[in-house]
């Protein structure tokens, strides 16, 4: 029995159905079923206000660690915290006995990890040591802490690990803007150990350095 005409008829029929289904009229009727749903945005709309380079950095971070990128962007978009604490060295009862031990300026690392301002370590007249951050403007990050490190210009966890025995965590960053004091209460602190070290703004959960201020002894004049 010859079945070729039957197969030919089936093919023609299928072709007609396909043409009708994909015609503009039918596509309009079934568009709600066959159109792909738009992808949800990874970050909030405010993300689009960042520079292209910043967006690229966060997107690259998302590709390797989505939660890290989400937390970084969330911290970045958080409201700035401005802390204004009294200048302890300036209001010391015996200002002539206050000694500036070390000082340095914060440096940017990347467009999304940066800070500016000055970090200075003083010995007060009563012997206490204090880290003073002045004119700080830092990019917010997840759980930023203030560290003292003997490494001069750390940008990675590996750098900090090289001098792990000479590292002091002074606690959470009080605010990403302003003037702040951090008492150095660790009895093992010796300014000589940090004479070529740094003050570090460090994201604890992600072991990421946001900025550092390389310390130096103050100039004694000409």
C-alpha atoms as a PDB file:
ATOM      1  CA  UNK A   1       0.000   0.000   0.000  1.00  0.00           C
ATOM      2  CA  UNK A   2       1.379   3.384  -0.967  1.00  0.00           C
ATOM      3  CA  UNK A   3       1.476   5.777   2.045  1.00  0.00           C
ATOM      4  CA  UNK A   4       3.389   8.616   0.440  1.00  0.00           C
ATOM      5  CA  UNK A   5       0.313  10.772  -0.284  1.00  0.00           C
ATOM      6  CA  UNK A   6      -0.817  10.399   3.372  1.00  0.00           C
ATOM      7  CA  UNK A   7       2.555  11.515   4.692  1.00  0.00           C
ATOM      8  CA  UNK A   8       2.545  14.393   2.265  1.00  0.00           C
ATOM      9  CA  UNK A   9      -0.868  15.499   3.473  1.00  0.00           C
ATOM     10  CA  UNK A  10       0.245  15.314   7.100  1.00  0.00           C
ATOM     11  CA  UNK A  11       3.304  17.419   6.330  1.00  0.00           C
ATOM     12  CA  UNK A  12       1.256  20.040   4.524  1.00  0.00           C
ATOM     13  CA  UNK A  13      -1.247  20.103   7.373  1.00  0.00           C
ATOM     14  CA  UNK A  14       1.476  20.551   9.988  1.00  0.00           C
ATOM     15  CA  UNK A  15       3.012  23.333   7.951  1.00  0.00           C
ATOM     16  CA  UNK A  16      -0.340  25.136   7.750  1.00  0.00           C
ATOM     17  CA  UNK A  17      -0.847  24.802  11.526  1.00  0.00           C
ATOM     18  CA  UNK A  18       2.634  26.160  12.198  1.00  0.00           C
ATOM     19  CA  UNK A  19       2.074  29.129   9.897  1.00  0.00           C
ATOM     20  CA  UNK A  20      -1.251  29.927  11.544  1.00  0.00           C
ATOM     21  CA  UNK A  21       0.150  29.534  15.064  1.00  0.00           C
ATOM     22  CA  UNK A  22       3.089  31.815  14.466  1.00  0.00           C
ATOM     23  CA  UNK A  23       1.108  34.407  12.547  1.00  0.00           C
ATOM     24  CA  UNK A  24       0.923  37.877  14.192  1.00  0.00           C
ATOM     25  CA  UNK A  25      -2.731  37.242  15.095  1.00  0.00           C
ATOM     26  CA  UNK A  26      -2.046  34.052  17.038  1.00  0.00           C
ATOM     27  CA  UNK A  27       1.223  35.311  18.514  1.00  0.00           C
ATOM     28  CA  UNK A  28      -0.700  38.189  20.047  1.00  0.00           C
ATOM     29  CA  UNK A  29      -3.189  35.766  21.601  1.00  0.00           C
ATOM     30  CA  UNK A  30      -0.530  33.405  22.995  1.00  0.00           C
ATOM     31  CA  UNK A  31       2.238  35.926  23.773  1.00  0.00           C
ATOM     32  CA  UNK A  32       1.544  35.693  27.483  1.00  0.00           C
ATOM     33  CA  UNK A  33       2.359  31.971  27.375  1.00  0.00           C
ATOM     34  CA  UNK A  34       5.413  31.867  25.152  1.00  0.00           C
ATOM     35  CA  UNK A  35       7.283  35.053  26.110  1.00  0.00           C
ATOM     36  CA  UNK A  36      10.107  34.628  28.605  1.00  0.00           C
ATOM     37  CA  UNK A  37       9.694  36.431  31.889  1.00  0.00           C
ATOM     38  CA  UNK A  38      12.134  39.341  32.364  1.00  0.00           C
ATOM     39  CA  UNK A  39      15.074  38.596  34.641  1.00  0.00           C
ATOM     40  CA  UNK A  40      14.917  40.064  38.114  1.00  0.00           C
ATOM     41  CA  UNK A  41      17.485  42.762  38.836  1.00  0.00           C
ATOM     42  CA  UNK A  42      20.375  41.543  40.961  1.00  0.00           C
ATOM     43  CA  UNK A  43      20.837  44.839  42.794  1.00  0.00           C
ATOM     44  CA  UNK A  44      18.501  47.699  43.830  1.00  0.00           C
ATOM     45  CA  UNK A  45      17.722  50.467  41.344  1.00  0.00           C
ATOM     46  CA  UNK A  46      20.209  52.772  43.110  1.00  0.00           C
ATOM     47  CA  UNK A  47      22.925  50.498  41.763  1.00  0.00           C
ATOM     48  CA  UNK A  48      22.470  52.178  38.374  1.00  0.00           C
ATOM     49  CA  UNK A  49      23.658  55.459  39.904  1.00  0.00           C
ATOM     50  CA  UNK A  50      27.141  54.016  40.376  1.00  0.00           C
ATOM     51  CA  UNK A  51      29.775  54.652  37.740  1.00  0.00           C
ATOM     52  CA  UNK A  52      30.137  52.072  34.979  1.00  0.00           C
ATOM     53  CA  UNK A  53      33.434  50.930  36.445  1.00  0.00           C
ATOM     54  CA  UNK A  54      31.885  50.446  39.867  1.00  0.00           C
ATOM     55  CA  UNK A  55      28.964  48.506  38.393  1.00  0.00           C
ATOM     56  CA  UNK A  56      31.422  46.289  36.528  1.00  0.00           C
ATOM     57  CA  UNK A  57      33.370  45.579  39.725  1.00  0.00           C
ATOM     58  CA  UNK A  58      30.276  44.566  41.667  1.00  0.00           C
ATOM     59  CA  UNK A  59      29.001  42.458  38.763  1.00  0.00           C
ATOM     60  CA  UNK A  60      32.324  40.629  38.522  1.00  0.00           C
ATOM     61  CA  UNK A  61      32.173  40.053  42.276  1.00  0.00           C
ATOM     62  CA  UNK A  62      28.656  38.642  41.911  1.00  0.00           C
ATOM     63  CA  UNK A  63      29.862  36.144  39.317  1.00  0.00           C
ATOM     64  CA  UNK A  64      32.351  34.684  41.815  1.00  0.00           C
ATOM     65  CA  UNK A  65      30.529  35.265  45.122  1.00  0.00           C
ATOM     66  CA  UNK A  66      26.887  36.426  44.862  1.00  0.00           C
ATOM     67  CA  UNK A  67      26.336  36.919  48.593  1.00  0.00           C
ATOM     68  CA  UNK A  68      29.507  38.970  48.951  1.00  0.00           C
ATOM     69  CA  UNK A  69      28.442  41.258  46.110  1.00  0.00           C
ATOM     70  CA  UNK A  70      24.954  41.682  47.563  1.00  0.00           C
ATOM     71  CA  UNK A  71      26.398  42.546  50.987  1.00  0.00           C
ATOM     72  CA  UNK A  72      28.940  44.960  49.529  1.00  0.00           C
ATOM     73  CA  UNK A  73      26.305  46.816  47.520  1.00  0.00           C
ATOM     74  CA  UNK A  74      23.926  46.823  50.491  1.00  0.00           C
ATOM     75  CA  UNK A  75      26.584  48.341  52.733  1.00  0.00           C
ATOM     76  CA  UNK A  76      27.504  50.839  50.044  1.00  0.00           C
ATOM     77  CA  UNK A  77      23.895  52.011  49.809  1.00  0.00           C
ATOM     78  CA  UNK A  78      23.455  52.241  53.577  1.00  0.00           C
ATOM     79  CA  UNK A  79      23.122  55.686  55.102  1.00  0.00           C
ATOM     80  CA  UNK A  80      26.405  57.356  56.009  1.00  0.00           C
ATOM     81  CA  UNK A  81      27.251  57.461  59.715  1.00  0.00           C
ATOM     82  CA  UNK A  82      28.979  60.688  60.749  1.00  0.00           C
ATOM     83  CA  UNK A  83      30.826  60.463  64.079  1.00  0.00           C
ATOM     84  CA  UNK A  84      32.272  63.584  65.701  1.00  0.00           C
ATOM     85  CA  UNK A  85      34.309  62.842  68.810  1.00  0.00           C
ATOM     86  CA  UNK A  86      36.404  65.374  70.738  1.00  0.00           C
ATOM     87  CA  UNK A  87      40.045  65.651  69.803  1.00  0.00           C
ATOM     88  CA  UNK A  88      41.576  63.992  72.857  1.00  0.00           C
ATOM     89  CA  UNK A  89      45.150  65.117  72.155  1.00  0.00           C
ATOM     90  CA  UNK A  90      44.005  68.723  71.742  1.00  0.00           C
ATOM     91  CA  UNK A  91      41.979  68.800  74.945  1.00  0.00           C
ATOM     92  CA  UNK A  92      44.482  66.854  77.067  1.00  0.00           C
ATOM     93  CA  UNK A  93      44.974  68.508  80.498  1.00  0.00           C
ATOM     94  CA  UNK A  94      48.720  68.683  79.788  1.00  0.00           C
ATOM     95  CA  UNK A  95      48.966  69.310  76.044  1.00  0.00           C
ATOM     96  CA  UNK A  96      52.714  69.816  76.272  1.00  0.00           C
ATOM     97  CA  UNK A  97      53.106  66.186  77.332  1.00  0.00           C
ATOM     98  CA  UNK A  98      51.106  64.788  74.409  1.00  0.00           C
ATOM     99  CA  UNK A  99      53.310  63.060  71.846  1.00  0.00           C
ATOM    100  CA  UNK A 100      52.447  62.275  68.240  1.00  0.00           C
ATOM    101  CA  UNK A 101      53.949  58.834  67.644  1.00  0.00           C
ATOM    102  CA  UNK A 102      52.870  57.858  64.132  1.00  0.00           C
ATOM    103  CA  UNK A 103      50.698  59.285  61.375  1.00  0.00           C
ATOM    104  CA  UNK A 104      49.576  58.526  57.834  1.00  0.00           C
ATOM    105  CA  UNK A 105      46.909  59.162  55.187  1.00  0.00           C
ATOM    106  CA  UNK A 106      44.372  56.652  53.913  1.00  0.00           C
ATOM    107  CA  UNK A 107      44.816  55.457  50.333  1.00  0.00           C
ATOM    108  CA  UNK A 108      42.286  54.038  47.838  1.00  0.00           C
ATOM    109  CA  UNK A 109      42.656  50.426  46.723  1.00  0.00           C
ATOM    110  CA  UNK A 110      39.943  50.069  44.051  1.00  0.00           C
ATOM    111  CA  UNK A 111      36.936  52.180  42.979  1.00  0.00           C
ATOM    112  CA  UNK A 112      34.787  50.206  45.435  1.00  0.00           C
ATOM    113  CA  UNK A 113      37.319  49.932  48.282  1.00  0.00           C
ATOM    114  CA  UNK A 114      38.597  53.307  49.344  1.00  0.00           C
ATOM    115  CA  UNK A 115      38.846  55.950  52.033  1.00  0.00           C
ATOM    116  CA  UNK A 116      40.463  59.322  52.643  1.00  0.00           C
ATOM    117  CA  UNK A 117      41.515  61.090  55.808  1.00  0.00           C
ATOM    118  CA  UNK A 118      44.324  60.908  58.343  1.00  0.00           C
ATOM    119  CA  UNK A 119      45.170  58.311  60.986  1.00  0.00           C
ATOM    120  CA  UNK A 120      47.427  59.356  63.884  1.00  0.00           C
ATOM    121  CA  UNK A 121      48.595  57.571  67.022  1.00  0.00           C
ATOM    122  CA  UNK A 122      49.244  59.691  70.115  1.00  0.00           C
ATOM    123  CA  UNK A 123      50.537  59.088  73.595  1.00  0.00           C
ATOM    124  CA  UNK A 124      48.453  61.210  75.970  1.00  0.00           C
ATOM    125  CA  UNK A 125      49.849  62.878  79.069  1.00  0.00           C
ATOM    126  CA  UNK A 126      48.548  60.073  81.277  1.00  0.00           C
ATOM    127  CA  UNK A 127      50.317  57.432  79.176  1.00  0.00           C
ATOM    128  CA  UNK A 128      47.294  56.149  77.294  1.00  0.00           C
ATOM    129  CA  UNK A 129      47.656  55.625  73.551  1.00  0.00           C
ATOM    130  CA  UNK A 130      44.910  56.652  71.194  1.00  0.00           C
ATOM    131  CA  UNK A 131      44.330  56.324  67.466  1.00  0.00           C
ATOM    132  CA  UNK A 132      42.706  59.450  66.059  1.00  0.00           C
ATOM    133  CA  UNK A 133      40.949  59.335  62.674  1.00  0.00           C
ATOM    134  CA  UNK A 134      40.375  62.796  61.243  1.00  0.00           C
ATOM    135  CA  UNK A 135      38.395  63.952  58.209  1.00  0.00           C
ATOM    136  CA  UNK A 136      37.547  60.342  57.464  1.00  0.00           C
ATOM    137  CA  UNK A 137      35.461  59.603  54.390  1.00  0.00           C
ATOM    138  CA  UNK A 138      35.272  55.868  53.817  1.00  0.00           C
ATOM    139  CA  UNK A 139      33.163  53.743  51.525  1.00  0.00           C
ATOM    140  CA  UNK A 140      30.831  51.641  53.625  1.00  0.00           C
ATOM    141  CA  UNK A 141      31.471  47.916  53.742  1.00  0.00           C
ATOM    142  CA  UNK A 142      30.159  44.866  55.600  1.00  0.00           C
ATOM    143  CA  UNK A 143      31.236  44.934  59.267  1.00  0.00           C
ATOM    144  CA  UNK A 144      34.241  47.208  58.907  1.00  0.00           C
ATOM    145  CA  UNK A 145      36.790  47.087  61.730  1.00  0.00           C
ATOM    146  CA  UNK A 146      39.845  49.220  62.483  1.00  0.00           C
ATOM    147  CA  UNK A 147      43.089  47.261  62.620  1.00  0.00           C
ATOM    148  CA  UNK A 148      46.680  48.100  63.425  1.00  0.00           C
ATOM    149  CA  UNK A 149      49.058  46.054  61.282  1.00  0.00           C
ATOM    150  CA  UNK A 150      52.836  45.929  61.030  1.00  0.00           C
ATOM    151  CA  UNK A 151      52.468  45.556  57.242  1.00  0.00           C
ATOM    152  CA  UNK A 152      53.050  48.965  55.585  1.00  0.00           C
ATOM    153  CA  UNK A 153      50.543  48.875  52.716  1.00  0.00           C
ATOM    154  CA  UNK A 154      48.287  45.817  52.918  1.00  0.00           C
ATOM    155  CA  UNK A 155      45.732  45.230  50.190  1.00  0.00           C
ATOM    156  CA  UNK A 156      45.037  41.503  50.692  1.00  0.00           C
ATOM    157  CA  UNK A 157      44.512  39.025  53.517  1.00  0.00           C
ATOM    158  CA  UNK A 158      47.844  37.423  52.600  1.00  0.00           C
ATOM    159  CA  UNK A 159      49.615  40.681  53.412  1.00  0.00           C
ATOM    160  CA  UNK A 160      48.029  40.793  56.862  1.00  0.00           C
ATOM    161  CA  UNK A 161      48.822  37.142  57.482  1.00  0.00           C
ATOM    162  CA  UNK A 162      52.521  37.798  56.959  1.00  0.00           C
ATOM    163  CA  UNK A 163      52.573  39.825  60.189  1.00  0.00           C
ATOM    164  CA  UNK A 164      49.628  38.220  61.973  1.00  0.00           C
ATOM    165  CA  UNK A 165      51.422  38.315  65.324  1.00  0.00           C
ATOM    166  CA  UNK A 166      51.681  42.096  65.032  1.00  0.00           C
ATOM    167  CA  UNK A 167      48.042  42.924  64.428  1.00  0.00           C
ATOM    168  CA  UNK A 168      45.595  44.578  66.802  1.00  0.00           C
ATOM    169  CA  UNK A 169      41.844  44.832  66.218  1.00  0.00           C
ATOM    170  CA  UNK A 170      40.579  48.096  67.717  1.00  0.00           C
ATOM    171  CA  UNK A 171      36.949  47.168  67.149  1.00  0.00           C
ATOM    172  CA  UNK A 172      34.190  48.161  64.713  1.00  0.00           C
ATOM    173  CA  UNK A 173      34.513  51.349  62.698  1.00  0.00           C
ATOM    174  CA  UNK A 174      32.246  53.807  64.503  1.00  0.00           C
ATOM    175  CA  UNK A 175      31.211  55.635  61.354  1.00  0.00           C
ATOM    176  CA  UNK A 176      32.373  55.983  57.787  1.00  0.00           C
ATOM    177  CA  UNK A 177      32.575  59.781  58.092  1.00  0.00           C
ATOM    178  CA  UNK A 178      33.995  62.160  60.651  1.00  0.00           C
ATOM    179  CA  UNK A 179      36.545  62.352  63.479  1.00  0.00           C
ATOM    180  CA  UNK A 180      36.918  59.411  65.830  1.00  0.00           C
ATOM    181  CA  UNK A 181      39.035  58.092  68.700  1.00  0.00           C
ATOM    182  CA  UNK A 182      40.074  54.483  69.335  1.00  0.00           C
ATOM    183  CA  UNK A 183      41.896  53.707  72.562  1.00  0.00           C
ATOM    184  CA  UNK A 184      44.788  51.256  72.136  1.00  0.00           C
ATOM    185  CA  UNK A 185      44.429  49.146  75.261  1.00  0.00           C
ATOM    186  CA  UNK A 186      46.420  46.099  74.219  1.00  0.00           C
ATOM    187  CA  UNK A 187      49.330  45.958  76.720  1.00  0.00           C
ATOM    188  CA  UNK A 188      51.528  44.405  74.043  1.00  0.00           C
ATOM    189  CA  UNK A 189      51.301  47.518  71.864  1.00  0.00           C
ATOM    190  CA  UNK A 190      54.668  49.079  71.107  1.00  0.00           C
ATOM    191  CA  UNK A 191      54.838  51.968  68.674  1.00  0.00           C
ATOM    192  CA  UNK A 192      58.191  50.744  67.393  1.00  0.00           C
ATOM    193  CA  UNK A 193      56.523  47.583  66.064  1.00  0.00           C
ATOM    194  CA  UNK A 194      54.178  49.675  63.920  1.00  0.00           C
ATOM    195  CA  UNK A 195      56.627  52.414  62.903  1.00  0.00           C
ATOM    196  CA  UNK A 196      56.449  51.086  59.347  1.00  0.00           C
ATOM    197  CA  UNK A 197      52.992  49.571  59.679  1.00  0.00           C
ATOM    198  CA  UNK A 198      49.496  50.781  58.905  1.00  0.00           C
ATOM    199  CA  UNK A 199      45.967  51.477  60.072  1.00  0.00           C
ATOM    200  CA  UNK A 200      43.548  49.271  58.148  1.00  0.00           C
ATOM    201  CA  UNK A 201      39.805  49.450  57.450  1.00  0.00           C
ATOM    202  CA  UNK A 202      38.866  45.790  57.203  1.00  0.00           C
ATOM    203  CA  UNK A 203      35.685  43.855  56.395  1.00  0.00           C
ATOM    204  CA  UNK A 204      35.719  41.020  58.919  1.00  0.00           C
ATOM    205  CA  UNK A 205      33.274  38.532  57.323  1.00  0.00           C
ATOM    206  CA  UNK A 206      34.886  38.818  53.890  1.00  0.00           C
ATOM    207  CA  UNK A 207      38.508  39.331  55.006  1.00  0.00           C
ATOM    208  CA  UNK A 208      38.739  42.294  52.659  1.00  0.00           C
ATOM    209  CA  UNK A 209      40.739  45.484  53.107  1.00  0.00           C
ATOM    210  CA  UNK A 210      38.860  48.638  52.160  1.00  0.00           C
ATOM    211  CA  UNK A 211      41.709  51.075  52.762  1.00  0.00           C
ATOM    212  CA  UNK A 212      44.920  51.530  54.691  1.00  0.00           C
ATOM    213  CA  UNK A 213      46.994  54.421  56.021  1.00  0.00           C
ATOM    214  CA  UNK A 214      50.733  53.711  55.944  1.00  0.00           C
ATOM    215  CA  UNK A 215      52.216  54.991  59.162  1.00  0.00           C
ATOM    216  CA  UNK A 216      55.371  57.057  59.524  1.00  0.00           C
ATOM    217  CA  UNK A 217      57.059  58.942  62.289  1.00  0.00           C
ATOM    218  CA  UNK A 218      56.175  62.641  62.302  1.00  0.00           C
ATOM    219  CA  UNK A 219      58.558  65.094  60.728  1.00  0.00           C
ATOM    220  CA  UNK A 220      60.736  66.906  63.238  1.00  0.00           C
ATOM    221  CA  UNK A 221      61.216  69.890  61.002  1.00  0.00           C
ATOM    222  CA  UNK A 222      64.169  71.002  58.843  1.00  0.00           C
END
